[in-house]
């Protein structure tokens, strides 16, 4: 699992200019949800990026979502993006 979080971190770093990123697995908080799938992740990305901060929130989120587009097909169920 930690390997997968590292893959997410590297993928975002590769596609977006940023100063710092934290990838947090919040899947354990969602185990009682109706559509919970133990094979998919609920992640929170805390990103410090002058590049993303220069955009509107929606545009910044689109950039992040585009970088992780393939991950949503198989591994990510939910993604929270915090620009710090």
N, C-alpha and C. Protein backbone atom coordinates (compact mmCIF):
# COMPACT_ATOMS: atom_id res chain seq x y z
N UNK A 1 0.82 -1.19 0.00
CA UNK A 1 0.00 0.00 0.00
C UNK A 1 0.86 1.26 0.00
N UNK A 2 1.86 1.35 0.86
CA UNK A 2 2.72 2.52 0.88
C UNK A 2 3.42 2.70 -0.46
N UNK A 3 3.68 1.60 -1.16
CA UNK A 3 4.27 1.69 -2.49
C UNK A 3 3.33 2.42 -3.44
N UNK A 4 2.04 2.14 -3.32
CA UNK A 4 1.08 2.79 -4.19
C UNK A 4 0.99 4.28 -3.90
N UNK A 5 1.04 4.65 -2.65
CA UNK A 5 1.02 6.07 -2.29
C UNK A 5 2.25 6.77 -2.86
N UNK A 6 3.37 6.09 -2.87
CA UNK A 6 4.60 6.64 -3.45
C UNK A 6 4.45 6.80 -4.96
N UNK A 7 3.78 5.86 -5.60
CA UNK A 7 3.53 5.94 -7.04
C UNK A 7 2.68 7.18 -7.35
N UNK A 8 1.65 7.41 -6.54
CA UNK A 8 0.80 8.59 -6.72
C UNK A 8 1.63 9.86 -6.56
N UNK A 9 2.44 9.90 -5.51
CA UNK A 9 3.28 11.07 -5.26
C UNK A 9 4.20 11.34 -6.44
N UNK A 10 4.86 10.32 -6.95
CA UNK A 10 5.78 10.48 -8.07
C UNK A 10 5.06 10.90 -9.35
N UNK A 11 3.88 10.35 -9.57
CA UNK A 11 3.11 10.70 -10.76
C UNK A 11 2.72 12.18 -10.75
N UNK A 12 2.29 12.66 -9.60
CA UNK A 12 1.92 14.07 -9.48
C UNK A 12 3.15 14.95 -9.64
N UNK A 13 4.25 14.58 -8.99
CA UNK A 13 5.50 15.35 -9.10
C UNK A 13 5.98 15.42 -10.54
N UNK A 14 5.82 14.34 -11.26
CA UNK A 14 6.28 14.27 -12.65
C UNK A 14 5.47 15.20 -13.57
N UNK A 15 4.18 15.37 -13.25
CA UNK A 15 3.28 16.10 -14.14
C UNK A 15 2.96 17.53 -13.71
N UNK A 16 3.30 17.90 -12.48
CA UNK A 16 2.92 19.21 -11.96
C UNK A 16 4.12 19.82 -11.22
N UNK A 17 4.38 21.09 -11.51
CA UNK A 17 5.44 21.78 -10.79
C UNK A 17 4.94 22.11 -9.39
N UNK A 18 5.62 21.58 -8.37
CA UNK A 18 5.20 21.80 -7.00
C UNK A 18 6.40 21.87 -6.06
N UNK A 19 6.16 22.42 -4.89
CA UNK A 19 7.20 22.53 -3.89
C UNK A 19 7.15 21.36 -2.91
N UNK A 20 5.93 20.91 -2.58
CA UNK A 20 5.79 19.83 -1.61
C UNK A 20 4.45 19.12 -1.82
N UNK A 21 4.44 17.83 -1.47
CA UNK A 21 3.20 17.06 -1.56
C UNK A 21 3.15 16.02 -0.45
N UNK A 22 1.96 15.83 0.11
CA UNK A 22 1.71 14.76 1.07
C UNK A 22 0.53 13.96 0.54
N UNK A 23 0.69 12.65 0.47
CA UNK A 23 -0.38 11.76 0.02
C UNK A 23 -0.86 11.00 1.25
N UNK A 24 -2.13 11.19 1.59
CA UNK A 24 -2.69 10.60 2.81
C UNK A 24 -3.79 9.62 2.44
N UNK A 25 -3.70 8.41 2.96
CA UNK A 25 -4.70 7.39 2.70
C UNK A 25 -5.79 7.50 3.76
N UNK A 26 -6.99 7.91 3.36
CA UNK A 26 -8.12 8.03 4.27
C UNK A 26 -9.14 6.90 4.08
N UNK A 27 -8.74 5.83 3.46
CA UNK A 27 -9.67 4.74 3.16
C UNK A 27 -10.32 4.17 4.42
N UNK A 28 -9.58 4.10 5.51
CA UNK A 28 -10.11 3.54 6.76
C UNK A 28 -11.30 4.33 7.29
N UNK A 29 -11.44 5.58 6.90
CA UNK A 29 -12.56 6.41 7.35
C UNK A 29 -13.85 6.12 6.60
N UNK A 30 -13.77 5.30 5.56
CA UNK A 30 -14.92 5.08 4.68
C UNK A 30 -15.39 3.62 4.64
N UNK A 31 -14.92 2.81 5.54
CA UNK A 31 -15.25 1.37 5.50
C UNK A 31 -16.74 1.07 5.64
N UNK A 32 -17.49 1.96 6.25
CA UNK A 32 -18.92 1.72 6.45
C UNK A 32 -19.78 2.33 5.35
N UNK A 33 -19.16 2.97 4.38
CA UNK A 33 -19.94 3.56 3.28
C UNK A 33 -20.52 2.48 2.39
N UNK A 34 -21.66 2.77 1.84
CA UNK A 34 -22.41 1.81 1.03
C UNK A 34 -21.58 1.22 -0.11
N UNK A 35 -20.83 2.05 -0.82
CA UNK A 35 -20.08 1.57 -1.98
C UNK A 35 -18.60 1.38 -1.69
N UNK A 36 -18.23 1.16 -0.42
CA UNK A 36 -16.83 0.97 -0.07
C UNK A 36 -16.27 -0.27 -0.77
N UNK A 37 -15.09 -0.13 -1.32
CA UNK A 37 -14.39 -1.21 -2.00
C UNK A 37 -12.97 -1.25 -1.44
N UNK A 38 -12.61 -2.34 -0.78
CA UNK A 38 -11.30 -2.43 -0.14
C UNK A 38 -10.15 -2.36 -1.15
N UNK A 39 -10.44 -2.52 -2.42
CA UNK A 39 -9.42 -2.47 -3.46
C UNK A 39 -9.22 -1.08 -4.06
N UNK A 40 -10.01 -0.12 -3.59
CA UNK A 40 -9.90 1.26 -4.08
C UNK A 40 -9.59 2.19 -2.91
N UNK A 41 -8.91 3.26 -3.22
CA UNK A 41 -8.43 4.19 -2.20
C UNK A 41 -9.26 5.46 -2.12
N UNK A 42 -9.35 5.99 -0.91
CA UNK A 42 -9.85 7.33 -0.64
C UNK A 42 -8.61 8.12 -0.23
N UNK A 43 -8.15 9.01 -1.08
CA UNK A 43 -6.90 9.71 -0.83
C UNK A 43 -7.12 11.21 -0.62
N UNK A 44 -6.20 11.79 0.12
CA UNK A 44 -6.14 13.23 0.29
C UNK A 44 -4.74 13.67 -0.16
N UNK A 45 -4.70 14.63 -1.05
CA UNK A 45 -3.42 15.20 -1.49
C UNK A 45 -3.31 16.60 -0.91
N UNK A 46 -2.26 16.84 -0.17
CA UNK A 46 -1.96 18.18 0.33
C UNK A 46 -0.78 18.68 -0.50
N UNK A 47 -1.04 19.66 -1.34
CA UNK A 47 -0.04 20.11 -2.31
C UNK A 47 0.30 21.58 -2.08
N UNK A 48 1.58 21.84 -2.00
CA UNK A 48 2.07 23.22 -1.98
C UNK A 48 2.69 23.47 -3.34
N UNK A 49 2.08 24.38 -4.10
CA UNK A 49 2.53 24.64 -5.45
C UNK A 49 2.19 26.07 -5.86
N UNK A 50 3.21 26.84 -6.14
CA UNK A 50 2.99 28.20 -6.64
C UNK A 50 2.27 28.13 -7.99
N UNK A 51 2.63 27.14 -8.78
CA UNK A 51 2.01 26.95 -10.10
C UNK A 51 0.50 26.76 -9.97
N UNK A 52 0.07 25.82 -9.13
CA UNK A 52 -1.36 25.55 -8.95
C UNK A 52 -2.06 26.71 -8.25
N UNK A 53 -1.37 27.35 -7.34
CA UNK A 53 -1.97 28.48 -6.61
C UNK A 53 -2.23 29.68 -7.52
N UNK A 54 -1.54 29.73 -8.65
CA UNK A 54 -1.74 30.83 -9.58
C UNK A 54 -3.01 30.66 -10.42
N UNK A 55 -3.66 29.51 -10.29
CA UNK A 55 -4.88 29.20 -11.06
C UNK A 55 -6.11 29.32 -10.16
N UNK A 56 -7.26 29.25 -10.80
CA UNK A 56 -8.49 29.13 -10.01
C UNK A 56 -8.49 27.73 -9.39
N UNK A 57 -9.25 27.55 -8.32
CA UNK A 57 -9.29 26.24 -7.66
C UNK A 57 -9.74 25.14 -8.62
N UNK A 58 -10.75 25.42 -9.40
CA UNK A 58 -11.28 24.40 -10.31
C UNK A 58 -10.26 24.02 -11.38
N UNK A 59 -9.53 24.99 -11.90
CA UNK A 59 -8.50 24.69 -12.90
C UNK A 59 -7.36 23.89 -12.28
N UNK A 60 -6.97 24.24 -11.05
CA UNK A 60 -5.91 23.50 -10.36
C UNK A 60 -6.34 22.06 -10.13
N UNK A 61 -7.59 21.86 -9.72
CA UNK A 61 -8.09 20.51 -9.50
C UNK A 61 -8.14 19.72 -10.80
N UNK A 62 -8.48 20.37 -11.88
CA UNK A 62 -8.50 19.69 -13.19
C UNK A 62 -7.11 19.21 -13.57
N UNK A 63 -6.10 20.02 -13.30
CA UNK A 63 -4.71 19.64 -13.61
C UNK A 63 -4.32 18.40 -12.82
N UNK A 64 -4.66 18.37 -11.54
CA UNK A 64 -4.33 17.22 -10.69
C UNK A 64 -5.11 15.99 -11.15
N UNK A 65 -6.39 16.16 -11.41
CA UNK A 65 -7.22 15.03 -11.85
C UNK A 65 -6.72 14.45 -13.17
N UNK A 66 -6.28 15.32 -14.08
CA UNK A 66 -5.75 14.86 -15.36
C UNK A 66 -4.49 14.03 -15.15
N UNK A 67 -3.64 14.45 -14.22
CA UNK A 67 -2.40 13.72 -13.95
C UNK A 67 -2.69 12.32 -13.40
N UNK A 68 -3.83 12.15 -12.74
CA UNK A 68 -4.18 10.86 -12.12
C UNK A 68 -5.32 10.15 -12.83
N UNK A 69 -5.62 10.57 -14.04
CA UNK A 69 -6.75 10.04 -14.81
C UNK A 69 -6.78 8.50 -14.84
N UNK A 70 -5.67 7.89 -15.14
CA UNK A 70 -5.62 6.42 -15.24
C UNK A 70 -5.86 5.74 -13.89
N UNK A 71 -5.44 6.38 -12.82
CA UNK A 71 -5.58 5.80 -11.49
C UNK A 71 -7.05 5.69 -11.07
N UNK A 72 -7.89 6.58 -11.57
CA UNK A 72 -9.31 6.54 -11.23
C UNK A 72 -10.01 5.34 -11.85
N UNK A 73 -9.46 4.80 -12.89
CA UNK A 73 -10.09 3.65 -13.55
C UNK A 73 -10.02 2.39 -12.70
N UNK A 74 -8.95 2.26 -11.88
CA UNK A 74 -8.75 1.01 -11.16
C UNK A 74 -8.54 1.15 -9.65
N UNK A 75 -7.84 2.20 -9.22
CA UNK A 75 -7.37 2.22 -7.84
C UNK A 75 -7.92 3.33 -6.94
N UNK A 76 -8.34 4.45 -7.50
CA UNK A 76 -8.80 5.56 -6.66
C UNK A 76 -10.32 5.69 -6.76
N UNK A 77 -10.97 5.68 -5.61
CA UNK A 77 -12.42 5.90 -5.57
C UNK A 77 -12.73 7.37 -5.31
N UNK A 78 -11.98 7.98 -4.39
CA UNK A 78 -12.24 9.37 -4.04
C UNK A 78 -10.93 10.10 -3.82
N UNK A 79 -10.93 11.39 -4.18
CA UNK A 79 -9.72 12.19 -4.04
C UNK A 79 -10.07 13.57 -3.49
N UNK A 80 -9.44 13.92 -2.40
CA UNK A 80 -9.58 15.25 -1.83
C UNK A 80 -8.27 15.99 -2.13
N UNK A 81 -8.39 17.19 -2.66
CA UNK A 81 -7.21 17.97 -3.02
C UNK A 81 -7.19 19.24 -2.18
N UNK A 82 -6.12 19.41 -1.42
CA UNK A 82 -5.94 20.60 -0.59
C UNK A 82 -4.72 21.35 -1.11
N UNK A 83 -4.92 22.57 -1.53
CA UNK A 83 -3.80 23.41 -1.93
C UNK A 83 -3.40 24.23 -0.71
N UNK A 84 -2.18 24.03 -0.27
CA UNK A 84 -1.72 24.73 0.94
C UNK A 84 -0.63 25.75 0.63
